[in-house]
Amino acid sequence: MDSVFLALNMGTDIAGKAATQGGYAAATETTLAETVGLVISIVLAFTGAIFLVLMVYAGVLWMTAAGEEEKIKKAQKIIFASIIGLVITVGAFLTTNFLVPAIIAATKGGEIGF
């Protein structure tokens, strides 16, 4: 026996028309995963920019140290901390980009698609 289920239209087409007439863009069907992925991409871009700024700052600090051990040590600490931060960030990105889809595919019984 086939069951037929009908969903009640709650006016999504009306809301879309009203938004368009009001000068707003029509709503898109963006998933939560796409939104989170976009946020992660933006954060990673800022992380790369921060890394670059810190490396340039440490390099200038080192080059202008004129043999002062304190400034050289400070520049080395900044470089070391920047590299560690970048490694952690890239590791987190790789984990979420490769490991999580593999786990999801394994639990669903599908193929892993990189």
PDB file of N, CA and C in Angstrom:
ATOM      1  N   MET A   1       0.841  -1.157   0.000  1.00  0.00           N
ATOM      2  CA  MET A   1       0.000   0.000   0.000  1.00  0.00           C
ATOM      3  C   MET A   1       0.899   1.237   0.000  1.00  0.00           C
ATOM      4  N   ASP A   2       0.701   2.110  -0.973  1.00  0.00           N
ATOM      5  CA  ASP A   2       1.485   3.337  -1.081  1.00  0.00           C
ATOM      6  C   ASP A   2       0.818   4.427  -0.257  1.00  0.00           C
ATOM      7  N   SER A   3       1.638   5.102   0.513  1.00  0.00           N
ATOM      8  CA  SER A   3       1.145   6.227   1.308  1.00  0.00           C
ATOM      9  C   SER A   3       1.578   7.521   0.635  1.00  0.00           C
ATOM     10  N   VAL A   4       0.673   8.432   0.549  1.00  0.00           N
ATOM     11  CA  VAL A   4       0.977   9.719  -0.041  1.00  0.00           C
ATOM     12  C   VAL A   4       0.899  10.770   1.059  1.00  0.00           C
ATOM     13  N   PHE A   5       1.979  11.545   1.158  1.00  0.00           N
ATOM     14  CA  PHE A   5       2.025  12.605   2.142  1.00  0.00           C
ATOM     15  C   PHE A   5       2.159  13.929   1.414  1.00  0.00           C
ATOM     16  N   LEU A   6       1.330  14.855   1.763  1.00  0.00           N
ATOM     17  CA  LEU A   6       1.389  16.174   1.159  1.00  0.00           C
ATOM     18  C   LEU A   6       1.828  17.181   2.217  1.00  0.00           C
ATOM     19  N   ALA A   7       2.788  18.010   1.837  1.00  0.00           N
ATOM     20  CA  ALA A   7       3.270  19.034   2.759  1.00  0.00           C
ATOM     21  C   ALA A   7       2.505  20.322   2.512  1.00  0.00           C
ATOM     22  N   LEU A   8       2.214  20.999   3.555  1.00  0.00           N
ATOM     23  CA  LEU A   8       1.494  22.255   3.460  1.00  0.00           C
ATOM     24  C   LEU A   8       2.476  23.364   3.103  1.00  0.00           C
ATOM     25  N   ASN A   9       2.167  24.132   2.071  1.00  0.00           N
ATOM     26  CA  ASN A   9       2.995  25.268   1.684  1.00  0.00           C
ATOM     27  C   ASN A   9       2.700  26.405   2.648  1.00  0.00           C
ATOM     28  N   MET A  10       3.710  26.788   3.407  1.00  0.00           N
ATOM     29  CA  MET A  10       3.530  27.825   4.429  1.00  0.00           C
ATOM     30  C   MET A  10       3.844  29.224   3.894  1.00  0.00           C
ATOM     31  N   GLY A  11       3.901  29.367   2.567  1.00  0.00           N
ATOM     32  CA  GLY A  11       4.082  30.690   1.997  1.00  0.00           C
ATOM     33  C   GLY A  11       5.517  31.061   1.696  1.00  0.00           C
ATOM     34  N   THR A  12       6.362  30.087   1.460  1.00  0.00           N
ATOM     35  CA  THR A  12       7.761  30.414   1.163  1.00  0.00           C
ATOM     36  C   THR A  12       7.877  31.173  -0.152  1.00  0.00           C
ATOM     37  N   ASP A  13       7.007  30.853  -1.115  1.00  0.00           N
ATOM     38  CA  ASP A  13       7.060  31.591  -2.372  1.00  0.00           C
ATOM     39  C   ASP A  13       6.597  33.034  -2.171  1.00  0.00           C
ATOM     40  N   ILE A  14       5.646  33.240  -1.300  1.00  0.00           N
ATOM     41  CA  ILE A  14       5.161  34.587  -1.002  1.00  0.00           C
ATOM     42  C   ILE A  14       6.251  35.395  -0.301  1.00  0.00           C
ATOM     43  N   ALA A  15       6.937  34.767   0.645  1.00  0.00           N
ATOM     44  CA  ALA A  15       8.016  35.457   1.357  1.00  0.00           C
ATOM     45  C   ALA A  15       9.153  35.806   0.404  1.00  0.00           C
ATOM     46  N   GLY A  16       9.462  34.910  -0.521  1.00  0.00           N
ATOM     47  CA  GLY A  16      10.510  35.176  -1.500  1.00  0.00           C
ATOM     48  C   GLY A  16      10.162  36.347  -2.404  1.00  0.00           C
ATOM     49  N   LYS A  17       8.909  36.395  -2.836  1.00  0.00           N
ATOM     50  CA  LYS A  17       8.464  37.519  -3.677  1.00  0.00           C
ATOM     51  C   LYS A  17       8.492  38.833  -2.902  1.00  0.00           C
ATOM     52  N   ALA A  18       8.091  38.788  -1.653  1.00  0.00           N
ATOM     53  CA  ALA A  18       8.091  40.000  -0.835  1.00  0.00           C
ATOM     54  C   ALA A  18       9.516  40.498  -0.612  1.00  0.00           C
ATOM     55  N   ALA A  19      10.433  39.582  -0.401  1.00  0.00           N
ATOM     56  CA  ALA A  19      11.834  39.976  -0.208  1.00  0.00           C
ATOM     57  C   ALA A  19      12.399  40.593  -1.470  1.00  0.00           C
ATOM     58  N   THR A  20      12.088  40.014  -2.621  1.00  0.00           N
ATOM     59  CA  THR A  20      12.575  40.543  -3.890  1.00  0.00           C
ATOM     60  C   THR A  20      11.998  41.925  -4.152  1.00  0.00           C
ATOM     61  N   GLN A  21      10.713  42.101  -3.889  1.00  0.00           N
ATOM     62  CA  GLN A  21      10.085  43.402  -4.094  1.00  0.00           C
ATOM     63  C   GLN A  21      10.608  44.442  -3.110  1.00  0.00           C
ATOM     64  N   GLY A  22      11.033  44.001  -1.951  1.00  0.00           N
ATOM     65  CA  GLY A  22      11.564  44.919  -0.945  1.00  0.00           C
ATOM     66  C   GLY A  22      13.016  45.286  -1.184  1.00  0.00           C
ATOM     67  N   GLY A  23      13.622  44.703  -2.214  1.00  0.00           N
ATOM     68  CA  GLY A  23      15.003  45.032  -2.531  1.00  0.00           C
ATOM     69  C   GLY A  23      16.023  44.107  -1.901  1.00  0.00           C
ATOM     70  N   TYR A  24      15.578  43.029  -1.300  1.00  0.00           N
ATOM     71  CA  TYR A  24      16.496  42.080  -0.689  1.00  0.00           C
ATOM     72  C   TYR A  24      16.718  40.911  -1.634  1.00  0.00           C
ATOM     73  N   ALA A  25      17.859  40.253  -1.487  1.00  0.00           N
ATOM     74  CA  ALA A  25      18.132  39.086  -2.308  1.00  0.00           C
ATOM     75  C   ALA A  25      17.270  37.925  -1.827  1.00  0.00           C
ATOM     76  N   ALA A  26      16.883  37.089  -2.759  1.00  0.00           N
ATOM     77  CA  ALA A  26      16.083  35.922  -2.399  1.00  0.00           C
ATOM     78  C   ALA A  26      16.932  34.967  -1.572  1.00  0.00           C
ATOM     79  N   ALA A  27      16.298  34.281  -0.669  1.00  0.00           N
ATOM     80  CA  ALA A  27      17.006  33.342   0.198  1.00  0.00           C
ATOM     81  C   ALA A  27      17.517  32.162  -0.610  1.00  0.00           C
ATOM     82  N   THR A  28      18.690  31.718  -0.258  1.00  0.00           N
ATOM     83  CA  THR A  28      19.266  30.539  -0.908  1.00  0.00           C
ATOM     84  C   THR A  28      19.253  29.384   0.071  1.00  0.00           C
ATOM     85  N   GLU A  29      19.420  28.218  -0.445  1.00  0.00           N
ATOM     86  CA  GLU A  29      19.425  27.034   0.397  1.00  0.00           C
ATOM     87  C   GLU A  29      20.866  26.664   0.734  1.00  0.00           C
ATOM     88  N   THR A  30      21.473  27.455   1.586  1.00  0.00           N
ATOM     89  CA  THR A  30      22.841  27.202   2.021  1.00  0.00           C
ATOM     90  C   THR A  30      22.790  26.329   3.262  1.00  0.00           C
ATOM     91  N   THR A  31      23.555  25.269   3.237  1.00  0.00           N
ATOM     92  CA  THR A  31      23.554  24.368   4.381  1.00  0.00           C
ATOM     93  C   THR A  31      24.459  24.908   5.476  1.00  0.00           C
ATOM     94  N   LEU A  32      24.280  24.376   6.657  1.00  0.00           N
ATOM     95  CA  LEU A  32      25.119  24.761   7.782  1.00  0.00           C
ATOM     96  C   LEU A  32      26.574  24.395   7.508  1.00  0.00           C
ATOM     97  N   ALA A  33      26.802  23.254   6.881  1.00  0.00           N
ATOM     98  CA  ALA A  33      28.172  22.827   6.584  1.00  0.00           C
ATOM     99  C   ALA A  33      28.860  23.801   5.631  1.00  0.00           C
ATOM    100  N   GLU A  34      28.129  24.308   4.644  1.00  0.00           N
ATOM    101  CA  GLU A  34      28.713  25.285   3.725  1.00  0.00           C
ATOM    102  C   GLU A  34      29.050  26.580   4.443  1.00  0.00           C
ATOM    103  N   THR A  35      28.184  27.005   5.334  1.00  0.00           N
ATOM    104  CA  THR A  35      28.423  28.231   6.090  1.00  0.00           C
ATOM    105  C   THR A  35      29.628  28.077   7.004  1.00  0.00           C
ATOM    106  N   VAL A  36      29.714  26.951   7.692  1.00  0.00           N
ATOM    107  CA  VAL A  36      30.856  26.695   8.569  1.00  0.00           C
ATOM    108  C   VAL A  36      32.138  26.616   7.743  1.00  0.00           C
ATOM    109  N   GLY A  37      32.071  25.990   6.579  1.00  0.00           N
ATOM    110  CA  GLY A  37      33.241  25.912   5.705  1.00  0.00           C
ATOM    111  C   GLY A  37      33.713  27.275   5.257  1.00  0.00           C
ATOM    112  N   LEU A  38      32.775  28.164   4.969  1.00  0.00           N
ATOM    113  CA  LEU A  38      33.131  29.522   4.577  1.00  0.00           C
ATOM    114  C   LEU A  38      33.794  30.267   5.727  1.00  0.00           C
ATOM    115  N   VAL A  39      33.254  30.114   6.923  1.00  0.00           N
ATOM    116  CA  VAL A  39      33.840  30.769   8.095  1.00  0.00           C
ATOM    117  C   VAL A  39      35.252  30.240   8.348  1.00  0.00           C
ATOM    118  N   ILE A  40      35.440  28.935   8.230  1.00  0.00           N
ATOM    119  CA  ILE A  40      36.766  28.346   8.423  1.00  0.00           C
ATOM    120  C   ILE A  40      37.743  28.865   7.373  1.00  0.00           C
ATOM    121  N   SER A  41      37.307  29.006   6.139  1.00  0.00           N
ATOM    122  CA  SER A  41      38.173  29.538   5.090  1.00  0.00           C
ATOM    123  C   SER A  41      38.606  30.965   5.392  1.00  0.00           C
ATOM    124  N   ILE A  42      37.677  31.773   5.882  1.00  0.00           N
ATOM    125  CA  ILE A  42      38.008  33.161   6.227  1.00  0.00           C
ATOM    126  C   ILE A  42      38.988  33.206   7.395  1.00  0.00           C
ATOM    127  N   VAL A  43      38.758  32.380   8.404  1.00  0.00           N
ATOM    128  CA  VAL A  43      39.659  32.340   9.558  1.00  0.00           C
ATOM    129  C   VAL A  43      41.054  31.895   9.127  1.00  0.00           C
ATOM    130  N   LEU A  44      41.136  30.897   8.247  1.00  0.00           N
ATOM    131  CA  LEU A  44      42.439  30.441   7.768  1.00  0.00           C
ATOM    132  C   LEU A  44      43.147  31.513   6.958  1.00  0.00           C
ATOM    133  N   ALA A  45      42.406  32.283   6.192  1.00  0.00           N
ATOM    134  CA  ALA A  45      43.020  33.381   5.440  1.00  0.00           C
ATOM    135  C   ALA A  45      43.601  34.420   6.396  1.00  0.00           C
ATOM    136  N   PHE A  46      42.851  34.757   7.446  1.00  0.00           N
ATOM    137  CA  PHE A  46      43.364  35.703   8.436  1.00  0.00           C
ATOM    138  C   PHE A  46      44.574  35.131   9.172  1.00  0.00           C
ATOM    139  N   THR A  47      44.557  33.829   9.445  1.00  0.00           N
ATOM    140  CA  THR A  47      45.685  33.199  10.119  1.00  0.00           C
ATOM    141  C   THR A  47      46.946  33.305   9.271  1.00  0.00           C
ATOM    142  N   GLY A  48      46.816  33.068   7.978  1.00  0.00           N
ATOM    143  CA  GLY A  48      47.965  33.206   7.083  1.00  0.00           C
ATOM    144  C   GLY A  48      48.477  34.630   7.036  1.00  0.00           C
ATOM    145  N   ALA A  49      47.567  35.597   7.026  1.00  0.00           N
ATOM    146  CA  ALA A  49      47.969  37.008   7.010  1.00  0.00           C
ATOM    147  C   ALA A  49      48.673  37.389   8.312  1.00  0.00           C
ATOM    148  N   ILE A  50      48.149  36.911   9.425  1.00  0.00           N
ATOM    149  CA  ILE A  50      48.786  37.187  10.723  1.00  0.00           C
ATOM    150  C   ILE A  50      50.172  36.565  10.775  1.00  0.00           C
ATOM    151  N   PHE A  51      50.315  35.343  10.265  1.00  0.00           N
ATOM    152  CA  PHE A  51      51.616  34.685  10.224  1.00  0.00           C
ATOM    153  C   PHE A  51      52.602  35.519   9.414  1.00  0.00           C
ATOM    154  N   LEU A  52      52.182  35.998   8.259  1.00  0.00           N
ATOM    155  CA  LEU A  52      53.057  36.807   7.416  1.00  0.00           C
ATOM    156  C   LEU A  52      53.483  38.084   8.128  1.00  0.00           C
ATOM    157  N   VAL A  53      52.544  38.767   8.765  1.00  0.00           N
ATOM    158  CA  VAL A  53      52.862  40.007   9.473  1.00  0.00           C
ATOM    159  C   VAL A  53      53.845  39.742  10.616  1.00  0.00           C
ATOM    160  N   LEU A  54      53.615  38.676  11.372  1.00  0.00           N
ATOM    161  CA  LEU A  54      54.518  38.350  12.479  1.00  0.00           C
ATOM    162  C   LEU A  54      55.916  37.999  11.979  1.00  0.00           C
ATOM    163  N   MET A  55      56.000  37.277  10.866  1.00  0.00           N
ATOM    164  CA  MET A  55      57.318  36.917  10.331  1.00  0.00           C
ATOM    165  C   MET A  55      58.063  38.152   9.827  1.00  0.00           C
ATOM    166  N   VAL A  56      57.357  39.049   9.168  1.00  0.00           N
ATOM    167  CA  VAL A  56      57.995  40.283   8.695  1.00  0.00           C
ATOM    168  C   VAL A  56      58.438  41.134   9.886  1.00  0.00           C
ATOM    169  N   TYR A  57      57.583  41.249  10.892  1.00  0.00           N
ATOM    170  CA  TYR A  57      57.940  42.020  12.086  1.00  0.00           C
ATOM    171  C   TYR A  57      59.173  41.434  12.769  1.00  0.00           C
ATOM    172  N   ALA A  58      59.194  40.122  12.934  1.00  0.00           N
ATOM    173  CA  ALA A  58      60.345  39.481  13.584  1.00  0.00           C
ATOM    174  C   ALA A  58      61.606  39.645  12.740  1.00  0.00           C
ATOM    175  N   GLY A  59      61.468  39.563  11.431  1.00  0.00           N
ATOM    176  CA  GLY A  59      62.627  39.755  10.564  1.00  0.00           C
ATOM    177  C   GLY A  59      63.185  41.163  10.658  1.00  0.00           C
ATOM    178  N   VAL A  60      62.292  42.157  10.649  1.00  0.00           N
ATOM    179  CA  VAL A  60      62.746  43.546  10.787  1.00  0.00           C
ATOM    180  C   VAL A  60      63.378  43.757  12.155  1.00  0.00           C
ATOM    181  N   LEU A  61      62.776  43.193  13.188  1.00  0.00           N
ATOM    182  CA  LEU A  61      63.327  43.316  14.535  1.00  0.00           C
ATOM    183  C   LEU A  61      64.726  42.718  14.610  1.00  0.00           C
ATOM    184  N   TRP A  62      64.915  41.570  13.999  1.00  0.00           N
ATOM    185  CA  TRP A  62      66.206  40.896  14.010  1.00  0.00           C
ATOM    186  C   TRP A  62      67.240  41.701  13.211  1.00  0.00           C
ATOM    187  N   MET A  63      66.814  42.206  12.049  1.00  0.00           N
ATOM    188  CA  MET A  63      67.755  42.937  11.195  1.00  0.00           C
ATOM    189  C   MET A  63      68.169  44.276  11.814  1.00  0.00           C
ATOM    190  N   THR A  64      67.302  44.870  12.611  1.00  0.00           N
ATOM    191  CA  THR A  64      67.626  46.154  13.235  1.00  0.00           C
ATOM    192  C   THR A  64      68.164  45.992  14.654  1.00  0.00           C
ATOM    193  N   ALA A  65      68.431  44.769  15.068  1.00  0.00           N
ATOM    194  CA  ALA A  65      68.908  44.525  16.426  1.00  0.00           C
ATOM    195  C   ALA A  65      70.321  45.063  16.642  1.00  0.00           C
ATOM    196  N   ALA A  66      71.099  45.129  15.594  1.00  0.00           N
ATOM    197  CA  ALA A  66      72.479  45.650  15.675  1.00  0.00           C
ATOM    198  C   ALA A  66      73.289  44.916  16.737  1.00  0.00           C
ATOM    199  N   GLY A  67      73.090  43.611  16.814  1.00  0.00           N
ATOM    200  CA  GLY A  67      73.886  42.792  17.723  1.00  0.00           C
ATOM    201  C   GLY A  67      73.367  42.726  19.148  1.00  0.00           C
ATOM    202  N   GLU A  68      72.269  43.370  19.446  1.00  0.00           N
ATOM    203  CA  GLU A  68      71.713  43.297  20.800  1.00  0.00           C
ATOM    204  C   GLU A  68      71.045  41.935  20.998  1.00  0.00           C
ATOM    205  N   GLU A  69      71.562  41.179  21.927  1.00  0.00           N
ATOM    206  CA  GLU A  69      71.069  39.816  22.160  1.00  0.00           C
ATOM    207  C   GLU A  69      69.593  39.781  22.558  1.00  0.00           C
ATOM    208  N   GLU A  70      69.151  40.777  23.305  1.00  0.00           N
ATOM    209  CA  GLU A  70      67.756  40.787  23.778  1.00  0.00           C
ATOM    210  C   GLU A  70      66.777  40.891  22.607  1.00  0.00           C
ATOM    211  N   LYS A  71      67.059  41.764  21.648  1.00  0.00           N
ATOM    212  CA  LYS A  71      66.179  41.914  20.488  1.00  0.00           C
ATOM    213  C   LYS A  71      66.224  40.680  19.593  1.00  0.00           C
ATOM    214  N   ILE A  72      67.402  40.092  19.471  1.00  0.00           N
ATOM    215  CA  ILE A  72      67.533  38.887  18.647  1.00  0.00           C
ATOM    216  C   ILE A  72      66.730  37.739  19.262  1.00  0.00           C
ATOM    217  N   LYS A  73      66.836  37.575  20.579  1.00  0.00           N
ATOM    218  CA  LYS A  73      66.077  36.520  21.265  1.00  0.00           C
ATOM    219  C   LYS A  73      64.565  36.746  21.118  1.00  0.00           C
ATOM    220  N   LYS A  74      64.150  38.018  21.214  1.00  0.00           N
ATOM    221  CA  LYS A  74      62.728  38.327  21.055  1.00  0.00           C
ATOM    222  C   LYS A  74      62.259  37.965  19.650  1.00  0.00           C
ATOM    223  N   ALA A  75      63.046  38.308  18.641  1.00  0.00           N
ATOM    224  CA  ALA A  75      62.695  37.989  17.256  1.00  0.00           C
ATOM    225  C   ALA A  75      62.638  36.476  17.052  1.00  0.00           C
ATOM    226  N   GLN A  76      63.576  35.758  17.619  1.00  0.00           N
ATOM    227  CA  GLN A  76      63.576  34.293  17.492  1.00  0.00           C
ATOM    228  C   GLN A  76      62.350  33.678  18.159  1.00  0.00           C
ATOM    229  N   LYS A  77      61.961  34.218  19.314  1.00  0.00           N
ATOM    230  CA  LYS A  77      60.763  33.710  19.996  1.00  0.00           C
ATOM    231  C   LYS A  77      59.506  33.957  19.157  1.00  0.00           C
ATOM    232  N   ILE A  78      59.417  35.138  18.533  1.00  0.00           N
ATOM    233  CA  ILE A  78      58.261  35.449  17.692  1.00  0.00           C
ATOM    234  C   ILE A  78      58.202  34.506  16.492  1.00  0.00           C
ATOM    235  N   ILE A  79      59.344  34.273  15.852  1.00  0.00           N
ATOM    236  CA  ILE A  79      59.394  33.366  14.697  1.00  0.00           C
ATOM    237  C   ILE A  79      58.999  31.954  15.119  1.00  0.00           C
ATOM    238  N   PHE A  80      59.554  31.488  16.228  1.00  0.00           N
ATOM    239  CA  PHE A  80      59.250  30.131  16.703  1.00  0.00           C
ATOM    240  C   PHE A  80      57.767  29.977  17.035  1.00  0.00           C
ATOM    241  N   ALA A  81      57.206  30.952  17.743  1.00  0.00           N
ATOM    242  CA  ALA A  81      55.791  30.891  18.113  1.00  0.00           C
ATOM    243  C   ALA A  81      54.889  30.984  16.877  1.00  0.00           C
ATOM    244  N   SER A  82      55.291  31.787  15.902  1.00  0.00           N
ATOM    245  CA  SER A  82      54.508  31.914  14.670  1.00  0.00           C
ATOM    246  C   SER A  82      54.475  30.600  13.902  1.00  0.00           C
ATOM    247  N   ILE A  83      55.617  29.956  13.813  1.00  0.00           N
ATOM    248  CA  ILE A  83      55.683  28.685  13.084  1.00  0.00           C
ATOM    249  C   ILE A  83      54.863  27.619  13.804  1.00  0.00           C
ATOM    250  N   ILE A  84      54.940  27.574  15.112  1.00  0.00           N
ATOM    251  CA  ILE A  84      54.139  26.600  15.870  1.00  0.00           C
ATOM    252  C   ILE A  84      52.650  26.871  15.661  1.00  0.00           C
ATOM    253  N   GLY A  85      52.239  28.121  15.708  1.00  0.00           N
ATOM    254  CA  GLY A  85      50.838  28.465  15.474  1.00  0.00           C
ATOM    255  C   GLY A  85      50.375  28.072  14.082  1.00  0.00           C
ATOM    256  N   LEU A  86      51.232  28.299  13.090  1.00  0.00           N
ATOM    257  CA  LEU A  86      50.872  27.924  11.723  1.00  0.00           C
ATOM    258  C   LEU A  86      50.772  26.407  11.576  1.00  0.00           C
ATOM    259  N   VAL A  87      51.671  25.671  12.196  1.00  0.00           N
ATOM    260  CA  VAL A  87      51.624  24.200  12.129  1.00  0.00           C
ATOM    261  C   VAL A  87      50.348  23.678  12.784  1.00  0.00           C
ATOM    262  N   ILE A  88      49.974  24.242  13.904  1.00  0.00           N
ATOM    263  CA  ILE A  88      48.738  23.822  14.581  1.00  0.00           C
ATOM    264  C   ILE A  88      47.527  24.128  13.712  1.00  0.00           C
ATOM    265  N   THR A  89      47.511  25.302  13.111  1.00  0.00           N
ATOM    266  CA  THR A  89      46.390  25.699  12.261  1.00  0.00           C
ATOM    267  C   THR A  89      46.278  24.803  11.034  1.00  0.00           C
ATOM    268  N   VAL A  90      47.402  24.546  10.378  1.00  0.00           N
ATOM    269  CA  VAL A  90      47.385  23.677   9.193  1.00  0.00           C
ATOM    270  C   VAL A  90      46.990  22.253   9.589  1.00  0.00           C
ATOM    271  N   GLY A  91      47.463  21.796  10.741  1.00  0.00           N
ATOM    272  CA  GLY A  91      47.076  20.467  11.225  1.00  0.00           C
ATOM    273  C   GLY A  91      45.582  20.362  11.481  1.00  0.00           C
ATOM    274  N   ALA A  92      45.010  21.402  12.068  1.00  0.00           N
ATOM    275  CA  ALA A  92      43.563  21.407  12.305  1.00  0.00           C
ATOM    276  C   ALA A  92      42.797  21.426  10.990  1.00  0.00           C
ATOM    277  N   PHE A  93      43.288  22.203  10.033  1.00  0.00           N
ATOM    278  CA  PHE A  93      42.639  22.258   8.722  1.00  0.00           C
ATOM    279  C   PHE A  93      42.691  20.898   8.029  1.00  0.00           C
ATOM    280  N   LEU A  94      43.862  20.263   8.050  1.00  0.00           N
ATOM    281  CA  LEU A  94      43.985  18.957   7.407  1.00  0.00           C
ATOM    282  C   LEU A  94      43.109  17.916   8.090  1.00  0.00           C
ATOM    283  N   THR A  95      43.032  17.992   9.404  1.00  0.00           N
ATOM    284  CA  THR A  95      42.183  17.047  10.128  1.00  0.00           C
ATOM    285  C   THR A  95      40.730  17.203   9.724  1.00  0.00           C
ATOM    286  N   THR A  96      40.245  18.429   9.683  1.00  0.00           N
ATOM    287  CA  THR A  96      38.846  18.630   9.336  1.00  0.00           C
ATOM    288  C   THR A  96      38.578  18.395   7.856  1.00  0.00           C
ATOM    289  N   ASN A  97      39.573  18.618   7.023  1.00  0.00           N
ATOM    290  CA  ASN A  97      39.362  18.494   5.586  1.00  0.00           C
ATOM    291  C   ASN A  97      39.467  17.058   5.086  1.00  0.00           C
ATOM    292  N   PHE A  98      40.270  16.233   5.733  1.00  0.00           N
ATOM    293  CA  PHE A  98      40.490  14.876   5.255  1.00  0.00           C
ATOM    294  C   PHE A  98      39.986  13.795   6.209  1.00  0.00           C
ATOM    295  N   LEU A  99      40.211  13.968   7.493  1.00  0.00           N
ATOM    296  CA  LEU A  99      39.861  12.918   8.436  1.00  0.00           C
ATOM    297  C   LEU A  99      38.360  12.851   8.704  1.00  0.00           C
ATOM    298  N   VAL A 100      37.725  13.989   8.899  1.00  0.00           N
ATOM    299  CA  VAL A 100      36.292  13.999   9.205  1.00  0.00           C
ATOM    300  C   VAL A 100      35.458  13.426   8.050  1.00  0.00           C
ATOM    301  N   PRO A 101      35.692  13.828   6.779  1.00  0.00           N
ATOM    302  CA  PRO A 101      34.930  13.193   5.700  1.00  0.00           C
ATOM    303  C   PRO A 101      35.182  11.683   5.592  1.00  0.00           C
ATOM    304  N   ALA A 102      36.390  11.256   5.898  1.00  0.00           N
ATOM    305  CA  ALA A 102      36.686   9.820   5.864  1.00  0.00           C
ATOM    306  C   ALA A 102      35.892   9.081   6.935  1.00  0.00           C
ATOM    307  N   ILE A 103      35.792   9.661   8.114  1.00  0.00           N
ATOM    308  CA  ILE A 103      35.029   9.035   9.199  1.00  0.00           C
ATOM    309  C   ILE A 103      33.545   9.006   8.842  1.00  0.00           C
ATOM    310  N   ILE A 104      33.040  10.109   8.295  1.00  0.00           N
ATOM    311  CA  ILE A 104      31.631  10.158   7.908  1.00  0.00           C
ATOM    312  C   ILE A 104      31.333   9.124   6.828  1.00  0.00           C
ATOM    313  N   ALA A 105      32.215   9.030   5.834  1.00  0.00           N
ATOM    314  CA  ALA A 105      32.009   8.050   4.761  1.00  0.00           C
ATOM    315  C   ALA A 105      32.072   6.629   5.303  1.00  0.00           C
ATOM    316  N   ALA A 106      32.970   6.379   6.241  1.00  0.00           N
ATOM    317  CA  ALA A 106      33.098   5.034   6.801  1.00  0.00           C
ATOM    318  C   ALA A 106      31.865   4.661   7.619  1.00  0.00           C
ATOM    319  N   THR A 107      31.297   5.625   8.323  1.00  0.00           N
ATOM    320  CA  THR A 107      30.128   5.302   9.130  1.00  0.00           C
ATOM    321  C   THR A 107      28.865   5.156   8.290  1.00  0.00           C
ATOM    322  N   LYS A 108      28.843   5.839   7.130  1.00  0.00           N
ATOM    323  CA  LYS A 108      27.687   5.714   6.235  1.00  0.00           C
ATOM    324  C   LYS A 108      27.834   4.537   5.280  1.00  0.00           C
ATOM    325  N   GLY A 109      29.041   3.999   5.183  1.00  0.00           N
ATOM    326  CA  GLY A 109      29.261   2.871   4.284  1.00  0.00           C
ATOM    327  C   GLY A 109      29.556   3.294   2.869  1.00  0.00           C
ATOM    328  N   GLY A 110      29.844   4.544   2.659  1.00  0.00           N
ATOM    329  CA  GLY A 110      30.143   5.042   1.321  1.00  0.00           C
ATOM    330  C   GLY A 110      31.627   5.076   1.044  1.00  0.00           C
ATOM    331  N   GLU A 111      31.971   5.610  -0.123  1.00  0.00           N
ATOM    332  CA  GLU A 111      33.370   5.731  -0.480  1.00  0.00           C
ATOM    333  C   GLU A 111      33.915   7.063   0.014  1.00  0.00           C
ATOM    334  N   ILE A 112      35.214   7.066   0.266  1.00  0.00           N
ATOM    335  CA  ILE A 112      35.880   8.273   0.707  1.00  0.00           C
ATOM    336  C   ILE A 112      36.210   9.096  -0.527  1.00  0.00           C
ATOM    337  N   GLY A 113      35.741  10.325  -0.566  1.00  0.00           N
ATOM    338  CA  GLY A 113      36.015  11.179  -1.714  1.00  0.00           C
ATOM    339  C   GLY A 113      36.798  12.410  -1.309  1.00  0.00           C
ATOM    340  N   PHE A 114      38.083  12.431  -1.662  1.00  0.00           N
ATOM    341  CA  PHE A 114      38.906  13.589  -1.332  1.00  0.00           C
ATOM    342  C   PHE A 114      38.810  14.533  -2.451  1.00  0.00           C
TER     343      PHE A 114
END
